[in-house]
Amino acid sequence: MCALCDELGGLGDGVGLSDRPSHRLAGFVWEGSHAEAANEAIHPLFARVRAFADGRESGLWRSPIVGLSLDESADGFRYLVAVAVEPGETVPAGMTVMDMPEMTFASIWHLPEDGDVAAHYDRIAGMVRDAGLAWDRSRLHRREEYPPDFDPSQPPSLRLMLPVARPDGA
């Protein structure tokens, strides 16, 4: 699904380690409560990002739609919905541009029949702990990658990703 993907190996039970090279994202930030997000408050951002992505000349490869949970608290979170863009590429006014460093993630594919996304994240977090890795929340809390043609009105298929730091600091 993703030209950025680089699989490093597995933690078992479908959870793998995936590297993402440094890249630039452009999109829109939403901030609100978990309840608002559950009531589809983020969905309009997917449509806006998809409209931007669909209007670009991107060659054969199309960026997945990337969702970044930038910070989380009991009250809510900030979430960036974006696509990869080239350095220097012009983006519409109001879009947030974010340069992402190279990062390693624990990841798993989540399909509609897999049920609750939060339970899937809990499973990843447990496997990260069991493998002696640390969930690295220094830059972001979670990353999600959706197909370029993602329709939020349909049950989601996406890659769930937790940023990790290895004990050796790599």
Protein backbone atom coordinates (compact mmCIF):
# COMPACT_ATOMS: atom_id res chain seq x y z
CA MET A 1 0.00 0.00 0.00
CA CYS A 2 2.77 2.44 0.83
CA ALA A 3 6.02 3.37 -0.90
CA LEU A 4 7.30 4.60 2.47
CA CYS A 5 6.99 1.14 4.00
CA ASP A 6 10.08 -0.72 5.12
CA GLU A 7 9.40 -3.78 7.23
CA LEU A 8 12.11 -4.55 9.78
CA GLY A 9 10.72 -7.75 11.27
CA GLY A 10 7.98 -8.85 13.55
CA LEU A 11 7.05 -8.81 17.19
CA GLY A 12 4.69 -11.72 16.60
CA ASP A 13 0.93 -12.14 16.23
CA GLY A 14 0.78 -9.87 13.19
CA VAL A 15 2.58 -6.93 14.81
CA GLY A 16 5.66 -5.80 12.91
CA LEU A 17 8.28 -3.10 13.10
CA SER A 18 8.15 -0.61 10.25
CA ASP A 19 10.53 2.23 9.45
CA ARG A 20 9.38 5.46 7.88
CA PRO A 21 12.04 7.67 6.29
CA SER A 22 12.03 11.40 6.89
CA HIS A 23 9.29 13.04 4.84
CA ARG A 24 7.04 16.09 4.68
CA LEU A 25 3.29 15.98 5.33
CA ALA A 26 0.66 18.60 4.51
CA GLY A 27 -2.86 18.55 5.88
CA PHE A 28 -5.32 19.88 8.41
CA VAL A 29 -5.29 19.73 12.21
CA TRP A 30 -8.37 18.97 14.27
CA GLU A 31 -8.58 19.32 18.05
CA GLY A 32 -11.36 17.99 20.24
CA SER A 33 -12.61 15.31 22.56
CA HIS A 34 -12.60 11.56 22.08
CA ALA A 35 -16.41 11.68 22.03
CA GLU A 36 -16.39 14.26 19.22
CA ALA A 37 -13.99 12.10 17.23
CA ALA A 38 -16.21 9.04 17.78
CA ASN A 39 -19.10 11.13 16.41
CA GLU A 40 -17.22 11.66 13.12
CA ALA A 41 -15.93 15.20 13.77
CA ILE A 42 -12.68 14.34 11.96
CA HIS A 43 -14.36 12.98 8.83
CA PRO A 44 -14.55 16.33 6.96
CA LEU A 45 -10.75 16.63 7.17
CA PHE A 46 -10.37 13.37 5.25
CA ALA A 47 -12.51 14.79 2.45
CA ARG A 48 -10.47 18.02 2.34
CA VAL A 49 -7.14 16.17 2.26
CA ARG A 50 -8.42 13.74 -0.35
CA ALA A 51 -9.60 16.64 -2.54
CA PHE A 52 -6.14 18.20 -2.29
CA ALA A 53 -4.42 14.87 -3.05
CA ASP A 54 -6.74 14.06 -5.95
CA GLY A 55 -5.98 17.43 -7.56
CA ARG A 56 -2.21 16.94 -7.54
CA GLU A 57 -0.03 15.44 -10.22
CA SER A 58 1.70 12.72 -8.25
CA GLY A 59 2.89 10.26 -10.87
CA LEU A 60 2.28 6.57 -10.30
CA TRP A 61 2.63 6.62 -6.51
CA ARG A 62 -0.10 8.13 -4.35
CA SER A 63 0.56 8.90 -0.72
CA PRO A 64 -1.58 7.15 1.82
CA ILE A 65 -3.70 9.48 3.90
CA VAL A 66 -1.80 9.79 7.16
CA GLY A 67 -3.42 10.49 10.50
CA LEU A 68 -1.18 11.61 13.36
CA SER A 69 -2.38 11.81 16.92
CA LEU A 70 -0.06 14.60 17.99
CA ASP A 71 -0.87 14.57 21.69
CA GLU A 72 -3.46 12.90 23.86
CA SER A 73 -5.03 13.51 27.23
CA ALA A 74 -8.12 12.32 29.06
CA ASP A 75 -9.93 15.37 27.68
CA GLY A 76 -9.04 14.93 24.01
CA PHE A 77 -6.34 15.16 21.40
CA ARG A 78 -4.97 16.96 18.34
CA TYR A 79 -5.03 15.02 15.08
CA LEU A 80 -3.37 15.87 11.75
CA VAL A 81 -4.92 14.38 8.59
CA ALA A 82 -2.35 14.73 5.80
CA VAL A 83 -0.58 13.34 2.74
CA ALA A 84 3.09 13.30 1.83
CA VAL A 85 4.25 16.27 -0.24
CA GLU A 86 7.52 17.18 -1.89
CA PRO A 87 9.81 19.80 -0.30
CA GLY A 88 8.90 23.16 -1.80
CA GLU A 89 5.54 21.94 -3.10
CA THR A 90 2.86 24.62 -2.86
CA VAL A 91 -0.02 23.76 -0.57
CA PRO A 92 -3.29 25.65 -0.08
CA ALA A 93 -3.58 28.31 2.61
CA GLY A 94 -4.67 26.87 5.92
CA MET A 95 -2.84 23.57 5.50
CA THR A 96 -0.29 22.62 8.14
CA VAL A 97 3.07 21.42 6.83
CA MET A 98 5.01 19.10 9.10
CA ASP A 99 8.47 17.64 8.53
CA MET A 100 8.67 14.16 9.97
CA PRO A 101 12.00 12.63 11.00
CA GLU A 102 12.89 9.02 10.29
CA MET A 103 10.98 6.89 12.80
CA THR A 104 10.35 3.28 13.72
CA PHE A 105 6.83 2.06 14.49
CA ALA A 106 5.21 -1.07 15.82
CA SER A 107 2.40 -1.66 13.34
CA ILE A 108 -0.46 -3.92 12.39
CA TRP A 109 -3.11 -3.89 9.67
CA HIS A 110 -6.60 -3.25 10.98
CA LEU A 111 -9.46 -4.51 8.82
CA PRO A 112 -13.21 -3.91 9.26
CA GLU A 113 -13.72 -7.38 10.71
CA ASP A 114 -11.02 -6.75 13.36
CA GLY A 115 -13.41 -4.81 15.58
CA ASP A 116 -12.39 -2.05 17.95
CA VAL A 117 -9.38 0.07 16.91
CA ALA A 118 -8.57 0.95 20.56
CA ALA A 119 -8.33 -2.75 21.47
CA HIS A 120 -5.96 -3.27 18.56
CA TYR A 121 -3.77 -0.41 19.81
CA ASP A 122 -3.76 -1.99 23.28
CA ARG A 123 -2.51 -5.21 21.70
CA ILE A 124 0.33 -3.37 19.95
CA ALA A 125 1.29 -1.56 23.16
CA GLY A 126 1.45 -4.88 25.03
CA MET A 127 3.67 -6.44 22.40
CA VAL A 128 5.95 -3.39 22.43
CA ARG A 129 6.39 -3.77 26.21
CA ASP A 130 6.89 -7.53 25.93
CA ALA A 131 9.62 -7.00 23.31
CA GLY A 132 11.54 -4.62 25.59
CA LEU A 133 10.78 -1.60 23.44
CA ALA A 134 9.40 1.73 24.61
CA TRP A 135 6.39 3.58 23.20
CA ASP A 136 8.03 6.87 22.17
CA ARG A 137 5.52 9.72 22.56
CA SER A 138 8.13 12.49 22.17
CA ARG A 139 6.96 13.52 18.66
CA LEU A 140 3.51 11.96 18.33
CA HIS A 141 1.33 9.37 20.03
CA ARG A 142 0.01 7.35 17.09
CA ARG A 143 0.22 7.19 13.32
CA GLU A 144 -2.46 5.76 11.06
CA GLU A 145 -2.14 5.13 7.33
CA TYR A 146 -5.27 4.92 5.21
CA PRO A 147 -5.55 4.06 1.51
CA PRO A 148 -5.50 7.14 -0.79
CA ASP A 149 -9.16 6.50 -1.65
CA PHE A 150 -10.26 6.13 1.99
CA ASP A 151 -13.95 6.84 2.58
CA PRO A 152 -14.64 7.55 6.27
CA SER A 153 -18.31 6.60 5.85
CA GLN A 154 -17.19 2.99 5.33
CA PRO A 155 -15.65 0.60 7.90
CA PRO A 156 -11.92 1.36 7.90
CA SER A 157 -8.99 -0.64 6.64
CA LEU A 158 -5.80 1.00 7.86
CA ARG A 159 -2.38 0.47 9.33
CA LEU A 160 -2.20 1.24 13.07
CA MET A 161 1.23 2.43 14.21
CA LEU A 162 2.84 3.26 17.57
CA PRO A 163 6.21 5.07 17.52
CA VAL A 164 8.86 3.06 19.33
CA ALA A 165 12.34 3.65 20.68
CA ARG A 166 14.72 0.77 20.96
CA PRO A 167 16.68 0.34 24.20
CA ASP A 168 19.93 1.04 22.28
CA GLY A 169 18.52 4.41 21.23
CA ALA A 170 18.30 3.48 17.54
